[in-house]
C-alpha atoms as a PDB file:
ATOM      1  CA  UNK A   1       0.206  -0.015   0.095  1.00  0.00           C
ATOM      2  CA  UNK A   2       1.044   3.611  -0.485  1.00  0.00           C
ATOM      3  CA  UNK A   3       1.155   5.892   2.525  1.00  0.00           C
ATOM      4  CA  UNK A   4       1.928   9.294   3.251  1.00  0.00           C
ATOM      5  CA  UNK A   5       4.819  10.138   5.570  1.00  0.00           C
ATOM      6  CA  UNK A   6       2.215  11.018   8.252  1.00  0.00           C
ATOM      7  CA  UNK A   7       0.948   7.778   8.428  1.00  0.00           C
ATOM      8  CA  UNK A   8       4.380   6.153   8.918  1.00  0.00           C
ATOM      9  CA  UNK A   9       4.181   7.058  12.912  1.00  0.00           C
ATOM     10  CA  UNK A  10       0.956   4.712  12.999  1.00  0.00           C
ATOM     11  CA  UNK A  11       2.877   2.105  10.827  1.00  0.00           C
ATOM     12  CA  UNK A  12       5.641   2.023  13.563  1.00  0.00           C
ATOM     13  CA  UNK A  13       3.018   1.652  16.599  1.00  0.00           C
ATOM     14  CA  UNK A  14       1.989  -1.414  14.536  1.00  0.00           C
ATOM     15  CA  UNK A  15       3.741  -4.841  15.919  1.00  0.00           C
ATOM     16  CA  UNK A  16       1.754  -7.443  13.546  1.00  0.00           C
ATOM     17  CA  UNK A  17       2.579  -5.555   9.814  1.00  0.00           C
ATOM     18  CA  UNK A  18       5.724  -6.020   7.807  1.00  0.00           C
ATOM     19  CA  UNK A  19       5.844  -2.949   6.275  1.00  0.00           C
ATOM     20  CA  UNK A  20       9.070  -0.651   4.035  1.00  0.00           C
ATOM     21  CA  UNK A  21       7.791   3.068   3.366  1.00  0.00           C
ATOM     22  CA  UNK A  22       9.393   4.144  -0.147  1.00  0.00           C
ATOM     23  CA  UNK A  23      10.650   7.337  -0.922  1.00  0.00           C
ATOM     24  CA  UNK A  24      11.372   7.766  -4.819  1.00  0.00           C
ATOM     25  CA  UNK A  25      12.620  11.092  -6.498  1.00  0.00           C
ATOM     26  CA  UNK A  26      10.660  12.961  -9.327  1.00  0.00           C
ATOM     27  CA  UNK A  27       8.568  10.046 -11.036  1.00  0.00           C
ATOM     28  CA  UNK A  28       8.799   9.688 -14.850  1.00  0.00           C
ATOM     29  CA  UNK A  29       7.084   7.695 -17.628  1.00  0.00           C
ATOM     30  CA  UNK A  30       9.944   6.334 -18.870  1.00  0.00           C
ATOM     31  CA  UNK A  31      10.325   2.433 -19.335  1.00  0.00           C
ATOM     32  CA  UNK A  32      11.972   0.122 -16.983  1.00  0.00           C
ATOM     33  CA  UNK A  33      15.714  -0.386 -16.782  1.00  0.00           C
ATOM     34  CA  UNK A  34      18.138  -2.847 -15.199  1.00  0.00           C
ATOM     35  CA  UNK A  35      19.849  -0.344 -13.313  1.00  0.00           C
ATOM     36  CA  UNK A  36      20.918  -1.313  -9.742  1.00  0.00           C
ATOM     37  CA  UNK A  37      19.252   0.814  -6.842  1.00  0.00           C
ATOM     38  CA  UNK A  38      21.009   2.611  -4.232  1.00  0.00           C
ATOM     39  CA  UNK A  39      18.921   3.636  -1.225  1.00  0.00           C
ATOM     40  CA  UNK A  40      19.103   5.732   1.958  1.00  0.00           C
ATOM     41  CA  UNK A  41      17.629   5.090   5.090  1.00  0.00           C
ATOM     42  CA  UNK A  42      18.364   8.024   7.061  1.00  0.00           C
ATOM     43  CA  UNK A  43      17.708  10.691   4.599  1.00  0.00           C
ATOM     44  CA  UNK A  44      15.798  11.566   1.294  1.00  0.00           C
ATOM     45  CA  UNK A  45      19.027  12.507  -0.749  1.00  0.00           C
ATOM     46  CA  UNK A  46      21.072   9.854  -2.314  1.00  0.00           C
ATOM     47  CA  UNK A  47      24.418  11.391  -3.413  1.00  0.00           C
ATOM     48  CA  UNK A  48      25.630  10.569  -7.019  1.00  0.00           C
ATOM     49  CA  UNK A  49      22.492   9.589  -8.143  1.00  0.00           C
ATOM     50  CA  UNK A  50      19.600  11.336 -10.419  1.00  0.00           C
ATOM     51  CA  UNK A  51      16.621  12.665  -8.640  1.00  0.00           C
ATOM     52  CA  UNK A  52      14.086  11.288 -11.084  1.00  0.00           C
ATOM     53  CA  UNK A  53      12.953   7.676 -11.551  1.00  0.00           C
ATOM     54  CA  UNK A  54      10.521   5.892 -13.685  1.00  0.00           C
ATOM     55  CA  UNK A  55       7.459   4.506 -12.075  1.00  0.00           C
ATOM     56  CA  UNK A  56       8.329   1.159 -13.980  1.00  0.00           C
ATOM     57  CA  UNK A  57      11.423   1.181 -11.357  1.00  0.00           C
ATOM     58  CA  UNK A  58       9.598   2.192  -8.514  1.00  0.00           C
ATOM     59  CA  UNK A  59       7.469  -1.178  -9.223  1.00  0.00           C
ATOM     60  CA  UNK A  60      10.406  -3.022  -9.867  1.00  0.00           C
ATOM     61  CA  UNK A  61      12.083  -2.047  -6.561  1.00  0.00           C
ATOM     62  CA  UNK A  62       8.434  -3.169  -4.724  1.00  0.00           C
ATOM     63  CA  UNK A  63       8.910  -6.602  -6.271  1.00  0.00           C
ATOM     64  CA  UNK A  64      12.670  -6.410  -4.958  1.00  0.00           C
ATOM     65  CA  UNK A  65      11.831  -5.523  -1.358  1.00  0.00           C
ATOM     66  CA  UNK A  66       8.571  -6.983  -0.771  1.00  0.00           C
ATOM     67  CA  UNK A  67      10.409 -10.396   0.600  1.00  0.00           C
ATOM     68  CA  UNK A  68      13.503  -8.597   2.063  1.00  0.00           C
ATOM     69  CA  UNK A  69      13.000  -8.733   5.743  1.00  0.00           C
ATOM     70  CA  UNK A  70      15.894  -6.343   6.363  1.00  0.00           C
ATOM     71  CA  UNK A  71      13.750  -3.721   4.613  1.00  0.00           C
ATOM     72  CA  UNK A  72      10.875  -4.305   6.847  1.00  0.00           C
ATOM     73  CA  UNK A  73       9.977  -1.071   9.079  1.00  0.00           C
ATOM     74  CA  UNK A  74      11.949   1.360   7.378  1.00  0.00           C
ATOM     75  CA  UNK A  75      11.751   4.673   5.581  1.00  0.00           C
ATOM     76  CA  UNK A  76      13.806   4.231   2.635  1.00  0.00           C
ATOM     77  CA  UNK A  77      14.685   6.626  -0.409  1.00  0.00           C
ATOM     78  CA  UNK A  78      15.410   4.997  -3.683  1.00  0.00           C
ATOM     79  CA  UNK A  79      17.194   6.238  -6.431  1.00  0.00           C
ATOM     80  CA  UNK A  80      18.597   4.539  -9.748  1.00  0.00           C
ATOM     81  CA  UNK A  81      22.904   3.967  -9.108  1.00  0.00           C
ATOM     82  CA  UNK A  82      24.861   5.462 -11.857  1.00  0.00           C
ATOM     83  CA  UNK A  83      28.524   6.892 -11.912  1.00  0.00           C
ATOM     84  CA  UNK A  84      27.366  10.010 -13.927  1.00  0.00           C
ATOM     85  CA  UNK A  85      24.600  10.550 -12.226  1.00  0.00           C
ATOM     86  CA  UNK A  86      23.699  14.247 -11.381  1.00  0.00           C
ATOM     87  CA  UNK A  87      21.105  15.220  -9.097  1.00  0.00           C
ATOM     88  CA  UNK A  88      18.254  17.775 -10.231  1.00  0.00           C
ATOM     89  CA  UNK A  89      19.569  20.496  -7.667  1.00  0.00           C
ATOM     90  CA  UNK A  90      23.648  19.816  -8.970  1.00  0.00           C
ATOM     91  CA  UNK A  91      21.883  20.249 -12.506  1.00  0.00           C
ATOM     92  CA  UNK A  92      19.657  23.364 -11.831  1.00  0.00           C
ATOM     93  CA  UNK A  93      23.139  24.935 -10.010  1.00  0.00           C
ATOM     94  CA  UNK A  94      25.018  24.331 -13.114  1.00  0.00           C
ATOM     95  CA  UNK A  95      22.940  25.613 -15.337  1.00  0.00           C
ATOM     96  CA  UNK A  96      22.285  28.860 -12.949  1.00  0.00           C
ATOM     97  CA  UNK A  97      25.763  29.566 -12.967  1.00  0.00           C
ATOM     98  CA  UNK A  98      25.796  29.188 -16.385  1.00  0.00           C
ATOM     99  CA  UNK A  99      22.974  31.692 -16.696  1.00  0.00           C
ATOM    100  CA  UNK A 100      24.964  34.451 -14.227  1.00  0.00           C
ATOM    101  CA  UNK A 101      27.866  34.135 -16.486  1.00  0.00           C
ATOM    102  CA  UNK A 102      26.228  34.634 -19.736  1.00  0.00           C
ATOM    103  CA  UNK A 103      23.903  37.452 -18.284  1.00  0.00           C
ATOM    104  CA  UNK A 104      27.219  39.341 -16.956  1.00  0.00           C
ATOM    105  CA  UNK A 105      29.075  38.831 -20.397  1.00  0.00           C
ATOM    106  CA  UNK A 106      25.994  40.446 -21.952  1.00  0.00           C
ATOM    107  CA  UNK A 107      25.763  43.646 -19.927  1.00  0.00           C
END
């Protein structure tokens, strides 16, 4: 089931449910990939990974995590692993830097 992070507190009180709250980055409509996942159980950001993930890859992650008892009772951010992954924040920062340089040079 999909629940909000506010509902997580109620889940934590339950001793008869096996649950994992999955927090993907920005969802896309791209096709499923075979790229490995990276996870973070302590923060929403996963350094070195793209902020976007396809809905199909989130579904693929759900299928992998259901039998994984190590993931039960956790709130977990997920992203696709990749050496060349650039987060949305890094991309915007780079673009803003380019914009500022262009604006200054045009004045």
